[in-house]
Amino acid sequence: MKLIIAIVQDVDSRAVLKALMAEGYRATKVSTTGGFLVRGNATILIGVEETQVDSVLSILREHCHARREFVSPMAPLGEAAAMRHWVQPLEVEVGGATVFVLGVERFEQL
């Protein structure tokens, strides 16, 4: 058995969960926040047999899309007060999915 941990952008999480459920996979969504952009993510936990891993990864690839967005860099409060000029927004790539596939030594459903 394998545990797939997929960290996806919040806007993609509904489509991912809907697609997983349509294929008969059970999943748990945990709301999380990313460290760099401090934005909402969803961490989705999916327990599957080893033979199902590629199918789940295909679903994630289909529904988790990278996109480019402009963000305003955040300066620490002390530095922000000292700044005398406007900080230009940065273009960054967000989205997609970060996926971990872990071996499960034991599984019990109580």
C-alpha atoms as a PDB file:
ATOM      1  CA  MET A   1       0.000   0.000   0.000  1.00  0.00           C
ATOM      2  CA  LYS A   2       1.082   3.580  -0.721  1.00  0.00           C
ATOM      3  CA  LEU A   3       0.181   6.951   0.738  1.00  0.00           C
ATOM      4  CA  ILE A   4       0.144   9.771  -1.792  1.00  0.00           C
ATOM      5  CA  ILE A   5       0.518  13.238  -0.300  1.00  0.00           C
ATOM      6  CA  ALA A   6      -0.345  15.889  -2.890  1.00  0.00           C
ATOM      7  CA  ILE A   7       0.049  19.578  -2.110  1.00  0.00           C
ATOM      8  CA  VAL A   8      -2.055  21.495  -4.616  1.00  0.00           C
ATOM      9  CA  GLN A   9      -3.220  25.053  -5.002  1.00  0.00           C
ATOM     10  CA  ASP A  10      -6.559  25.656  -3.300  1.00  0.00           C
ATOM     11  CA  VAL A  11      -8.264  26.609  -6.577  1.00  0.00           C
ATOM     12  CA  ASP A  12      -7.392  23.180  -8.054  1.00  0.00           C
ATOM     13  CA  SER A  13      -8.425  21.106  -5.040  1.00  0.00           C
ATOM     14  CA  ARG A  14     -12.156  20.786  -5.836  1.00  0.00           C
ATOM     15  CA  ALA A  15     -11.535  19.469  -9.338  1.00  0.00           C
ATOM     16  CA  VAL A  16      -8.908  17.026  -8.028  1.00  0.00           C
ATOM     17  CA  LEU A  17     -11.196  15.695  -5.298  1.00  0.00           C
ATOM     18  CA  LYS A  18     -14.143  15.408  -7.685  1.00  0.00           C
ATOM     19  CA  ALA A  19     -12.029  13.464 -10.204  1.00  0.00           C
ATOM     20  CA  LEU A  20     -10.607  11.170  -7.505  1.00  0.00           C
ATOM     21  CA  MET A  21     -14.095  10.396  -6.162  1.00  0.00           C
ATOM     22  CA  ALA A  22     -15.403   9.745  -9.692  1.00  0.00           C
ATOM     23  CA  GLU A  23     -12.718   7.065 -10.095  1.00  0.00           C
ATOM     24  CA  GLY A  24     -13.550   5.507  -6.718  1.00  0.00           C
ATOM     25  CA  TYR A  25     -10.573   6.816  -4.739  1.00  0.00           C
ATOM     26  CA  ARG A  26     -11.040   8.028  -1.185  1.00  0.00           C
ATOM     27  CA  ALA A  27      -9.123  11.101  -0.128  1.00  0.00           C
ATOM     28  CA  THR A  28      -8.756  13.483   2.780  1.00  0.00           C
ATOM     29  CA  LYS A  29      -8.203  17.205   2.231  1.00  0.00           C
ATOM     30  CA  VAL A  30      -6.301  19.232   4.800  1.00  0.00           C
ATOM     31  CA  SER A  31      -6.216  23.019   4.375  1.00  0.00           C
ATOM     32  CA  THR A  32      -2.636  24.285   4.524  1.00  0.00           C
ATOM     33  CA  THR A  33      -0.719  27.484   3.819  1.00  0.00           C
ATOM     34  CA  GLY A  34       2.417  27.778   1.714  1.00  0.00           C
ATOM     35  CA  GLY A  35       5.475  29.405   3.222  1.00  0.00           C
ATOM     36  CA  PHE A  36       6.780  31.484   0.295  1.00  0.00           C
ATOM     37  CA  LEU A  37       3.603  33.151  -0.982  1.00  0.00           C
ATOM     38  CA  VAL A  38       1.599  32.609   2.219  1.00  0.00           C
ATOM     39  CA  ARG A  39      -1.403  31.442   0.222  1.00  0.00           C
ATOM     40  CA  GLY A  40      -3.952  28.722   0.721  1.00  0.00           C
ATOM     41  CA  ASN A  41      -3.087  25.230  -0.398  1.00  0.00           C
ATOM     42  CA  ALA A  42      -4.765  21.905   0.007  1.00  0.00           C
ATOM     43  CA  THR A  43      -2.823  18.872   1.138  1.00  0.00           C
ATOM     44  CA  ILE A  44      -4.642  15.812  -0.165  1.00  0.00           C
ATOM     45  CA  LEU A  45      -3.959  12.407   1.396  1.00  0.00           C
ATOM     46  CA  ILE A  46      -4.788   9.378  -0.757  1.00  0.00           C
ATOM     47  CA  GLY A  47      -4.206   5.777   0.286  1.00  0.00           C
ATOM     48  CA  VAL A  48      -3.964   3.369  -2.680  1.00  0.00           C
ATOM     49  CA  GLU A  49      -2.528   0.044  -3.733  1.00  0.00           C
ATOM     50  CA  GLU A  50       0.821   0.254  -5.506  1.00  0.00           C
ATOM     51  CA  THR A  51      -0.811  -0.586  -8.849  1.00  0.00           C
ATOM     52  CA  GLN A  52      -3.078   2.496  -8.544  1.00  0.00           C
ATOM     53  CA  VAL A  53      -0.354   5.094  -8.010  1.00  0.00           C
ATOM     54  CA  ASP A  54       0.067   5.931 -11.716  1.00  0.00           C
ATOM     55  CA  SER A  55      -3.686   6.396 -12.146  1.00  0.00           C
ATOM     56  CA  VAL A  56      -3.832   8.860  -9.248  1.00  0.00           C
ATOM     57  CA  LEU A  57      -0.783  10.725 -10.571  1.00  0.00           C
ATOM     58  CA  SER A  58      -2.534  11.048 -13.950  1.00  0.00           C
ATOM     59  CA  ILE A  59      -5.546  12.624 -12.257  1.00  0.00           C
ATOM     60  CA  LEU A  60      -3.280  15.075 -10.437  1.00  0.00           C
ATOM     61  CA  ARG A  61      -1.470  15.981 -13.672  1.00  0.00           C
ATOM     62  CA  GLU A  62      -4.780  16.585 -15.421  1.00  0.00           C
ATOM     63  CA  HIS A  63      -6.255  18.876 -12.765  1.00  0.00           C
ATOM     64  CA  CYS A  64      -3.291  20.729 -11.213  1.00  0.00           C
ATOM     65  CA  HIS A  65      -2.094  23.482 -13.490  1.00  0.00           C
ATOM     66  CA  ALA A  66       0.869  25.794 -13.098  1.00  0.00           C
ATOM     67  CA  ARG A  67       0.143  29.456 -13.794  1.00  0.00           C
ATOM     68  CA  ARG A  68       2.063  32.695 -13.685  1.00  0.00           C
ATOM     69  CA  GLU A  69       0.904  35.445 -11.323  1.00  0.00           C
ATOM     70  CA  PHE A  70       2.173  38.774 -10.123  1.00  0.00           C
ATOM     71  CA  VAL A  71       2.744  39.086  -6.372  1.00  0.00           C
ATOM     72  CA  SER A  72       3.937  41.953  -4.224  1.00  0.00           C
ATOM     73  CA  PRO A  73       7.072  41.061  -2.268  1.00  0.00           C
ATOM     74  CA  MET A  74       6.583  41.270   1.475  1.00  0.00           C
ATOM     75  CA  ALA A  75       9.235  43.154   3.434  1.00  0.00           C
ATOM     76  CA  PRO A  76       9.566  42.823   7.212  1.00  0.00           C
ATOM     77  CA  LEU A  77       7.769  45.659   9.020  1.00  0.00           C
ATOM     78  CA  GLY A  78      10.976  47.483  10.025  1.00  0.00           C
ATOM     79  CA  GLU A  79      12.339  47.358   6.502  1.00  0.00           C
ATOM     80  CA  ALA A  80       9.008  48.402   4.976  1.00  0.00           C
ATOM     81  CA  ALA A  81       9.002  51.594   7.056  1.00  0.00           C
ATOM     82  CA  ALA A  82      12.532  52.415   5.901  1.00  0.00           C
ATOM     83  CA  MET A  83      11.692  51.924   2.207  1.00  0.00           C
ATOM     84  CA  ARG A  84      11.174  55.169   0.328  1.00  0.00           C
ATOM     85  CA  HIS A  85      10.221  53.672  -3.014  1.00  0.00           C
ATOM     86  CA  TRP A  86       7.477  51.419  -4.340  1.00  0.00           C
ATOM     87  CA  VAL A  87       8.420  47.769  -4.635  1.00  0.00           C
ATOM     88  CA  GLN A  88       7.522  46.351  -8.052  1.00  0.00           C
ATOM     89  CA  PRO A  89       5.421  43.167  -8.173  1.00  0.00           C
ATOM     90  CA  LEU A  90       7.254  39.976  -9.097  1.00  0.00           C
ATOM     91  CA  GLU A  91       6.030  37.460 -11.639  1.00  0.00           C
ATOM     92  CA  VAL A  92       6.153  33.946 -10.174  1.00  0.00           C
ATOM     93  CA  GLU A  93       4.935  30.521 -11.220  1.00  0.00           C
ATOM     94  CA  VAL A  94       2.313  29.069  -8.880  1.00  0.00           C
ATOM     95  CA  GLY A  95       0.177  25.979  -8.950  1.00  0.00           C
ATOM     96  CA  GLY A  96       0.884  22.537 -10.203  1.00  0.00           C
ATOM     97  CA  ALA A  97       1.334  19.938  -7.497  1.00  0.00           C
ATOM     98  CA  THR A  98       4.037  18.713  -5.181  1.00  0.00           C
ATOM     99  CA  VAL A  99       3.559  14.989  -4.687  1.00  0.00           C
ATOM    100  CA  PHE A 100       5.121  12.503  -2.274  1.00  0.00           C
ATOM    101  CA  VAL A 101       4.518   8.762  -2.562  1.00  0.00           C
ATOM    102  CA  LEU A 102       5.290   6.899   0.655  1.00  0.00           C
ATOM    103  CA  GLY A 103       5.233   3.225   1.521  1.00  0.00           C
ATOM    104  CA  VAL A 104       2.672   2.244   4.159  1.00  0.00           C
ATOM    105  CA  GLU A 105       3.787  -0.421   6.577  1.00  0.00           C
ATOM    106  CA  ARG A 106       0.409  -0.856   8.207  1.00  0.00           C
ATOM    107  CA  PHE A 107      -3.135   0.343   7.527  1.00  0.00           C
ATOM    108  CA  GLU A 108      -6.192  -0.081   9.748  1.00  0.00           C
ATOM    109  CA  GLN A 109      -9.627   1.369   9.303  1.00  0.00           C
ATOM    110  CA  LEU A 110     -11.370   1.578  12.681  1.00  0.00           C
END
